Amino acid sequence: MHLEPLTAISPIDGRYRAQLSATNDGDHAPRLDEYFSEFALIKYRVWVEIEYLLMLADNGFVVFTVPQREQLVSIYRGFTLDDAKAVKAHEKITNHDVKAVEYFIKDRMDAHGCLGTSRAARMGTLWINITRH
């Protein structure tokens, strides 16, 4: 992962970054920034929120097709630094970190056509509103 303000966790991750990744298995060593950076916090929030939405679908609150479910999962599996920046852009407007994650997911759902049915759109909007409080 590229070091920048969203990925750094402390001086340990800055000037001592090389020592953190220097292990016997080379590039396969776990990196602290993958778990403790602001990027990681956002990434794992996105993961939890999407899995929560899929659980609601599993319990009949909303219906997603198999391709739509795969699209939702791809949002967190393919999460990038640009995605984290998009969340931060929402945060500047909402002034709330979790709400920013929800709006990011809603944007991606819309882009992937996951809000294509009226019931899914209503439930997606309801999910955004319920989680606001």
N, C-alpha and C. Protein backbone atom coordinates (compact mmCIF):
# COMPACT_ATOMS: atom_id res chain seq x y z
N MET A 1 0.84 -1.17 0.00
CA MET A 1 0.00 0.00 0.00
C MET A 1 0.89 1.24 0.00
N HIS A 2 0.49 2.22 -0.76
CA HIS A 2 1.26 3.46 -0.88
C HIS A 2 1.09 4.30 0.38
N LEU A 3 2.18 4.82 0.91
CA LEU A 3 2.14 5.64 2.11
C LEU A 3 1.69 7.05 1.79
N GLU A 4 0.63 7.48 2.43
CA GLU A 4 0.15 8.85 2.40
C GLU A 4 -0.71 9.05 3.65
N PRO A 5 -1.19 10.25 3.91
CA PRO A 5 -1.88 10.51 5.18
C PRO A 5 -3.00 9.51 5.53
N LEU A 6 -3.74 9.02 4.55
CA LEU A 6 -4.81 8.07 4.86
C LEU A 6 -4.29 6.69 5.25
N THR A 7 -3.04 6.38 4.91
CA THR A 7 -2.52 5.03 5.19
C THR A 7 -1.55 4.98 6.35
N ALA A 8 -0.98 6.11 6.75
CA ALA A 8 0.00 6.11 7.84
C ALA A 8 -0.70 5.98 9.19
N ILE A 9 -0.08 5.22 10.10
CA ILE A 9 -0.67 5.07 11.43
C ILE A 9 0.15 5.77 12.51
N SER A 10 1.40 5.98 12.27
CA SER A 10 2.28 6.61 13.25
C SER A 10 3.68 6.70 12.66
N PRO A 11 4.65 7.24 13.43
CA PRO A 11 6.04 7.21 12.95
C PRO A 11 6.52 5.78 12.69
N ILE A 12 5.94 4.83 13.41
CA ILE A 12 6.31 3.44 13.18
C ILE A 12 6.04 3.07 11.73
N ASP A 13 4.95 3.59 11.21
CA ASP A 13 4.58 3.29 9.84
C ASP A 13 5.27 4.23 8.86
N GLY A 14 5.90 5.26 9.35
CA GLY A 14 6.63 6.19 8.49
C GLY A 14 8.08 5.77 8.34
N ARG A 15 8.93 6.29 9.22
CA ARG A 15 10.37 6.03 9.06
C ARG A 15 10.77 4.59 9.37
N TYR A 16 9.94 3.85 10.10
CA TYR A 16 10.25 2.45 10.39
C TYR A 16 9.47 1.47 9.52
N ARG A 17 8.86 1.98 8.47
CA ARG A 17 8.03 1.16 7.59
C ARG A 17 8.80 -0.04 7.01
N ALA A 18 10.03 0.17 6.60
CA ALA A 18 10.81 -0.91 6.00
C ALA A 18 11.04 -2.05 6.99
N GLN A 19 11.28 -1.71 8.27
CA GLN A 19 11.51 -2.75 9.26
C GLN A 19 10.23 -3.56 9.54
N LEU A 20 9.07 -2.92 9.41
CA LEU A 20 7.81 -3.63 9.64
C LEU A 20 7.57 -4.71 8.60
N SER A 21 7.98 -4.46 7.37
CA SER A 21 7.72 -5.43 6.31
C SER A 21 8.87 -6.40 6.11
N ALA A 22 9.97 -6.20 6.81
CA ALA A 22 11.13 -7.08 6.63
C ALA A 22 10.97 -8.32 7.49
N THR A 23 10.48 -9.38 6.89
CA THR A 23 10.34 -10.67 7.56
C THR A 23 10.92 -11.75 6.66
N ASN A 24 10.93 -12.94 7.16
CA ASN A 24 11.48 -14.06 6.39
C ASN A 24 10.69 -14.35 5.12
N ASP A 25 9.39 -14.02 5.14
CA ASP A 25 8.58 -14.32 3.95
C ASP A 25 8.43 -13.12 3.02
N GLY A 26 9.28 -12.13 3.17
CA GLY A 26 9.34 -11.00 2.24
C GLY A 26 8.07 -10.19 2.14
N ASP A 27 7.53 -10.11 0.95
CA ASP A 27 6.37 -9.27 0.69
C ASP A 27 5.06 -9.83 1.25
N HIS A 28 5.08 -11.01 1.78
CA HIS A 28 3.84 -11.61 2.29
C HIS A 28 3.58 -11.28 3.76
N ALA A 29 4.40 -10.46 4.35
CA ALA A 29 4.22 -10.09 5.75
C ALA A 29 3.00 -9.19 5.91
N PRO A 30 2.22 -9.39 6.97
CA PRO A 30 1.11 -8.47 7.19
C PRO A 30 1.64 -7.07 7.49
N ARG A 31 0.96 -6.08 6.98
CA ARG A 31 1.35 -4.70 7.16
C ARG A 31 0.40 -4.06 8.15
N LEU A 32 0.94 -3.28 9.08
CA LEU A 32 0.10 -2.61 10.07
C LEU A 32 -0.91 -1.67 9.42
N ASP A 33 -0.49 -1.00 8.35
CA ASP A 33 -1.40 -0.05 7.71
C ASP A 33 -2.63 -0.72 7.11
N GLU A 34 -2.54 -2.01 6.81
CA GLU A 34 -3.69 -2.72 6.26
C GLU A 34 -4.77 -2.98 7.30
N TYR A 35 -4.45 -2.74 8.56
CA TYR A 35 -5.40 -2.99 9.65
C TYR A 35 -5.64 -1.79 10.55
N PHE A 36 -4.69 -0.86 10.65
CA PHE A 36 -4.79 0.20 11.64
C PHE A 36 -4.81 1.62 11.07
N SER A 37 -4.79 1.78 9.78
CA SER A 37 -4.81 3.12 9.19
C SER A 37 -6.24 3.62 9.05
N GLU A 38 -6.38 4.88 8.73
CA GLU A 38 -7.71 5.41 8.46
C GLU A 38 -8.30 4.74 7.22
N PHE A 39 -7.45 4.46 6.24
CA PHE A 39 -7.90 3.72 5.06
C PHE A 39 -8.52 2.38 5.48
N ALA A 40 -7.83 1.65 6.36
CA ALA A 40 -8.34 0.35 6.81
C ALA A 40 -9.65 0.51 7.57
N LEU A 41 -9.74 1.52 8.41
CA LEU A 41 -10.98 1.76 9.16
C LEU A 41 -12.14 1.96 8.19
N ILE A 42 -11.93 2.78 7.17
CA ILE A 42 -12.98 3.03 6.19
C ILE A 42 -13.31 1.75 5.42
N LYS A 43 -12.27 1.05 4.97
CA LYS A 43 -12.47 -0.19 4.20
C LYS A 43 -13.30 -1.20 4.99
N TYR A 44 -12.95 -1.39 6.25
CA TYR A 44 -13.68 -2.39 7.04
C TYR A 44 -15.07 -1.90 7.44
N ARG A 45 -15.27 -0.61 7.55
CA ARG A 45 -16.63 -0.09 7.76
C ARG A 45 -17.49 -0.38 6.54
N VAL A 46 -16.93 -0.17 5.35
CA VAL A 46 -17.66 -0.47 4.12
C VAL A 46 -18.03 -1.95 4.10
N TRP A 47 -17.09 -2.80 4.44
CA TRP A 47 -17.32 -4.26 4.48
C TRP A 47 -18.47 -4.60 5.43
N VAL A 48 -18.44 -4.08 6.64
CA VAL A 48 -19.46 -4.37 7.64
C VAL A 48 -20.83 -3.87 7.17
N GLU A 49 -20.88 -2.66 6.65
CA GLU A 49 -22.15 -2.09 6.20
C GLU A 49 -22.75 -2.90 5.05
N ILE A 50 -21.93 -3.33 4.11
CA ILE A 50 -22.44 -4.12 2.98
C ILE A 50 -22.91 -5.49 3.47
N GLU A 51 -22.15 -6.13 4.33
CA GLU A 51 -22.58 -7.42 4.85
C GLU A 51 -23.87 -7.30 5.67
N TYR A 52 -24.03 -6.18 6.37
CA TYR A 52 -25.27 -5.93 7.10
C TYR A 52 -26.44 -5.80 6.12
N LEU A 53 -26.24 -5.06 5.04
CA LEU A 53 -27.28 -4.91 4.03
C LEU A 53 -27.62 -6.26 3.40
N LEU A 54 -26.61 -7.09 3.14
CA LEU A 54 -26.86 -8.42 2.59
C LEU A 54 -27.60 -9.31 3.58
N MET A 55 -27.33 -9.13 4.88
CA MET A 55 -28.08 -9.87 5.89
C MET A 55 -29.55 -9.46 5.87
N LEU A 56 -29.81 -8.16 5.70
CA LEU A 56 -31.20 -7.70 5.58
C LEU A 56 -31.86 -8.35 4.37
N ALA A 57 -31.12 -8.48 3.28
CA ALA A 57 -31.65 -9.14 2.09
C ALA A 57 -31.90 -10.62 2.36
N ASP A 58 -30.99 -11.25 3.09
CA ASP A 58 -31.16 -12.67 3.42
C ASP A 58 -32.41 -12.91 4.25
N ASN A 59 -32.84 -11.88 4.96
CA ASN A 59 -34.03 -12.00 5.81
C ASN A 59 -35.28 -11.38 5.19
N GLY A 60 -35.23 -11.13 3.88
CA GLY A 60 -36.41 -10.73 3.14
C GLY A 60 -36.78 -9.26 3.18
N PHE A 61 -35.91 -8.42 3.71
CA PHE A 61 -36.23 -6.99 3.76
C PHE A 61 -36.03 -6.30 2.43
N VAL A 62 -35.16 -6.84 1.60
CA VAL A 62 -34.89 -6.33 0.26
C VAL A 62 -34.43 -7.50 -0.59
N VAL A 63 -34.65 -7.40 -1.89
CA VAL A 63 -34.27 -8.48 -2.79
C VAL A 63 -33.17 -7.99 -3.73
N PHE A 64 -32.11 -8.75 -3.77
CA PHE A 64 -31.03 -8.51 -4.72
C PHE A 64 -30.85 -9.76 -5.55
N THR A 65 -30.61 -9.57 -6.83
CA THR A 65 -30.29 -10.71 -7.68
C THR A 65 -28.88 -11.18 -7.34
N VAL A 66 -28.54 -12.35 -7.82
CA VAL A 66 -27.18 -12.86 -7.59
C VAL A 66 -26.14 -11.89 -8.16
N PRO A 67 -26.31 -11.40 -9.39
CA PRO A 67 -25.32 -10.43 -9.89
C PRO A 67 -25.26 -9.15 -9.05
N GLN A 68 -26.39 -8.68 -8.55
CA GLN A 68 -26.38 -7.49 -7.69
C GLN A 68 -25.63 -7.76 -6.39
N ARG A 69 -25.84 -8.94 -5.81
CA ARG A 69 -25.12 -9.30 -4.58
C ARG A 69 -23.61 -9.34 -4.85
N GLU A 70 -23.24 -9.91 -5.99
CA GLU A 70 -21.82 -9.97 -6.36
C GLU A 70 -21.25 -8.57 -6.54
N GLN A 71 -22.05 -7.67 -7.12
CA GLN A 71 -21.61 -6.28 -7.30
C GLN A 71 -21.39 -5.63 -5.93
N LEU A 72 -22.29 -5.88 -5.00
CA LEU A 72 -22.14 -5.31 -3.65
C LEU A 72 -20.86 -5.81 -2.99
N VAL A 73 -20.64 -7.10 -3.06
CA VAL A 73 -19.43 -7.67 -2.46
C VAL A 73 -18.18 -7.11 -3.13
N SER A 74 -18.26 -6.88 -4.44
CA SER A 74 -17.09 -6.35 -5.15
C SER A 74 -16.72 -4.94 -4.67
N ILE A 75 -17.68 -4.23 -4.09
CA ILE A 75 -17.39 -2.88 -3.59
C ILE A 75 -16.34 -2.95 -2.49
N TYR A 76 -16.48 -3.88 -1.55
CA TYR A 76 -15.47 -3.94 -0.49
C TYR A 76 -14.28 -4.81 -0.85
N ARG A 77 -14.47 -5.81 -1.68
CA ARG A 77 -13.31 -6.64 -2.07
C ARG A 77 -12.33 -5.86 -2.94
N GLY A 78 -12.84 -4.93 -3.74
CA GLY A 78 -11.98 -4.16 -4.61
C GLY A 78 -11.74 -2.74 -4.11
N PHE A 79 -11.95 -2.53 -2.81
CA PHE A 79 -11.85 -1.20 -2.22
C PHE A 79 -10.45 -0.62 -2.43
N THR A 80 -10.40 0.64 -2.90
CA THR A 80 -9.13 1.27 -3.24
C THR A 80 -8.93 2.56 -2.45
N LEU A 81 -7.75 3.10 -2.58
CA LEU A 81 -7.45 4.38 -1.95
C LEU A 81 -8.36 5.47 -2.52
N ASP A 82 -8.66 5.41 -3.81
CA ASP A 82 -9.59 6.38 -4.40
C ASP A 82 -10.98 6.26 -3.78
N ASP A 83 -11.40 5.03 -3.47
CA ASP A 83 -12.68 4.84 -2.79
C ASP A 83 -12.66 5.50 -1.41
N ALA A 84 -11.56 5.32 -0.69
CA ALA A 84 -11.43 5.95 0.63
C ALA A 84 -11.49 7.47 0.50
N LYS A 85 -10.89 7.99 -0.54
CA LYS A 85 -10.95 9.43 -0.77
C LYS A 85 -12.37 9.89 -1.08
N ALA A 86 -13.12 9.06 -1.79
CA ALA A 86 -14.53 9.38 -2.07
C ALA A 86 -15.33 9.42 -0.77
N VAL A 87 -15.05 8.48 0.13
CA VAL A 87 -15.71 8.49 1.44
C VAL A 87 -15.35 9.77 2.19
N LYS A 88 -14.08 10.14 2.16
CA LYS A 88 -13.65 11.37 2.85
C LYS A 88 -14.32 12.61 2.24
N ALA A 89 -14.58 12.60 0.94
CA ALA A 89 -15.28 13.72 0.31
C ALA A 89 -16.71 13.81 0.84
N HIS A 90 -17.36 12.66 1.01
CA HIS A 90 -18.70 12.65 1.62
C HIS A 90 -18.63 13.15 3.06
N GLU A 91 -17.58 12.77 3.76
CA GLU A 91 -17.44 13.17 5.16
C GLU A 91 -17.34 14.69 5.30
N LYS A 92 -16.72 15.34 4.33
CA LYS A 92 -16.63 16.81 4.38
C LYS A 92 -18.02 17.44 4.33
N ILE A 93 -18.95 16.79 3.66
CA ILE A 93 -20.32 17.30 3.53
C ILE A 93 -21.16 16.89 4.74
N THR A 94 -21.08 15.62 5.13
CA THR A 94 -21.93 15.11 6.20
C THR A 94 -21.39 15.42 7.59
N ASN A 95 -20.07 15.65 7.66
CA ASN A 95 -19.40 15.85 8.95
C ASN A 95 -19.63 14.65 9.89
N HIS A 96 -19.74 13.47 9.28
CA HIS A 96 -19.97 12.24 10.05
C HIS A 96 -19.34 11.08 9.29
N ASP A 97 -18.38 10.40 9.91
CA ASP A 97 -17.61 9.38 9.21
C ASP A 97 -18.44 8.17 8.79
N VAL A 98 -19.31 7.67 9.64
CA VAL A 98 -20.10 6.49 9.29
C VAL A 98 -21.14 6.85 8.23
N LYS A 99 -21.76 8.01 8.36
CA LYS A 99 -22.74 8.45 7.36
C LYS A 99 -22.06 8.58 6.00
N ALA A 100 -20.83 9.04 5.97
CA ALA A 100 -20.09 9.16 4.72
C ALA A 100 -19.91 7.79 4.07
N VAL A 101 -19.64 6.76 4.87
CA VAL A 101 -19.52 5.39 4.35
C VAL A 101 -20.84 4.96 3.72
N GLU A 102 -21.95 5.26 4.40
CA GLU A 102 -23.26 4.87 3.89
C GLU A 102 -23.55 5.54 2.55
N TYR A 103 -23.25 6.82 2.44
CA TYR A 103 -23.49 7.51 1.17
C TYR A 103 -22.57 6.99 0.07
N PHE A 104 -21.34 6.65 0.41
CA PHE A 104 -20.44 6.04 -0.57
C PHE A 104 -21.04 4.74 -1.10
N ILE A 105 -21.53 3.89 -0.19
CA ILE A 105 -22.12 2.62 -0.61
C ILE A 105 -23.35 2.87 -1.47
N LYS A 106 -24.18 3.80 -1.08
CA LYS A 106 -25.37 4.13 -1.86
C LYS A 106 -24.96 4.58 -3.27
N ASP A 107 -23.94 5.41 -3.38
CA ASP A 107 -23.45 5.83 -4.70
C ASP A 107 -23.02 4.63 -5.54
N ARG A 108 -22.28 3.72 -4.91
CA ARG A 108 -21.79 2.54 -5.64
C ARG A 108 -22.94 1.61 -6.01
N MET A 109 -23.92 1.47 -5.10
CA MET A 109 -25.08 0.65 -5.41
C MET A 109 -25.80 1.21 -6.62
N ASP A 110 -25.97 2.52 -6.66
CA ASP A 110 -26.64 3.16 -7.78
C ASP A 110 -25.82 2.96 -9.06
N ALA A 111 -24.52 3.12 -8.97
CA ALA A 111 -23.64 2.96 -10.14
C ALA A 111 -23.67 1.53 -10.68
N HIS A 112 -23.84 0.55 -9.79
CA HIS A 112 -23.86 -0.85 -10.20
C HIS A 112 -25.27 -1.35 -10.52
N GLY A 113 -26.26 -0.47 -10.41
CA GLY A 113 -27.63 -0.87 -10.70
C GLY A 113 -28.29 -1.66 -9.60
N CYS A 114 -27.75 -1.64 -8.41
CA CYS A 114 -28.34 -2.39 -7.30
C CYS A 114 -29.59 -1.71 -6.76
N LEU A 115 -29.82 -0.46 -7.14
CA LEU A 115 -31.04 0.23 -6.74
C LEU A 115 -32.03 0.28 -7.89
N GLY A 116 -31.89 -0.68 -8.81
CA GLY A 116 -32.70 -0.66 -10.01
C GLY A 116 -34.18 -0.91 -9.79
N THR A 117 -34.55 -1.71 -8.81
CA THR A 117 -35.96 -1.95 -8.56
C THR A 117 -36.46 -0.95 -7.54
N SER A 118 -37.74 -0.63 -7.64
CA SER A 118 -38.28 0.37 -6.72
C SER A 118 -38.20 -0.10 -5.27
N ARG A 119 -38.44 -1.39 -5.01
CA ARG A 119 -38.34 -1.90 -3.63
C ARG A 119 -36.90 -1.81 -3.14
N ALA A 120 -35.95 -2.17 -3.99
CA ALA A 120 -34.54 -2.08 -3.58
C ALA A 120 -34.17 -0.62 -3.33
N ALA A 121 -34.67 0.28 -4.17
CA ALA A 121 -34.37 1.71 -3.97
C ALA A 121 -34.95 2.20 -2.65
N ARG A 122 -36.18 1.81 -2.37
CA ARG A 122 -36.81 2.22 -1.10
C ARG A 122 -36.05 1.65 0.09
N MET A 123 -35.66 0.37 -0.01
CA MET A 123 -34.95 -0.26 1.10
C MET A 123 -33.54 0.33 1.23
N GLY A 124 -32.89 0.63 0.12
CA GLY A 124 -31.57 1.26 0.19
C GLY A 124 -31.66 2.61 0.86
N THR A 125 -32.69 3.39 0.50
CA THR A 125 -32.90 4.70 1.12
C THR A 125 -33.27 4.54 2.59
N LEU A 126 -34.12 3.56 2.89
CA LEU A 126 -34.49 3.30 4.28
C LEU A 126 -33.27 2.91 5.09
N TRP A 127 -32.41 2.06 4.52
CA TRP A 127 -31.19 1.64 5.21
C TRP A 127 -30.32 2.85 5.53
N ILE A 128 -30.18 3.77 4.56
CA ILE A 128 -29.40 4.99 4.79
C ILE A 128 -30.03 5.78 5.93
N ASN A 129 -31.35 5.92 5.92
CA ASN A 129 -32.02 6.72 6.94
C ASN A 129 -32.00 6.06 8.32
N ILE A 130 -32.19 4.75 8.36
CA ILE A 130 -32.19 4.05 9.65
C ILE A 130 -30.82 4.14 10.30
N THR A 131 -29.78 3.94 9.51
CA THR A 131 -28.44 3.93 10.08
C THR A 131 -27.95 5.32 10.44
N ARG A 132 -28.69 6.33 10.04
CA ARG A 132 -28.32 7.71 10.35
C ARG A 132 -28.40 7.95 11.86
N HIS A 133 -29.30 7.25 12.55
CA HIS A 133 -29.55 7.55 13.97
C HIS A 133 -28.82 6.61 14.90
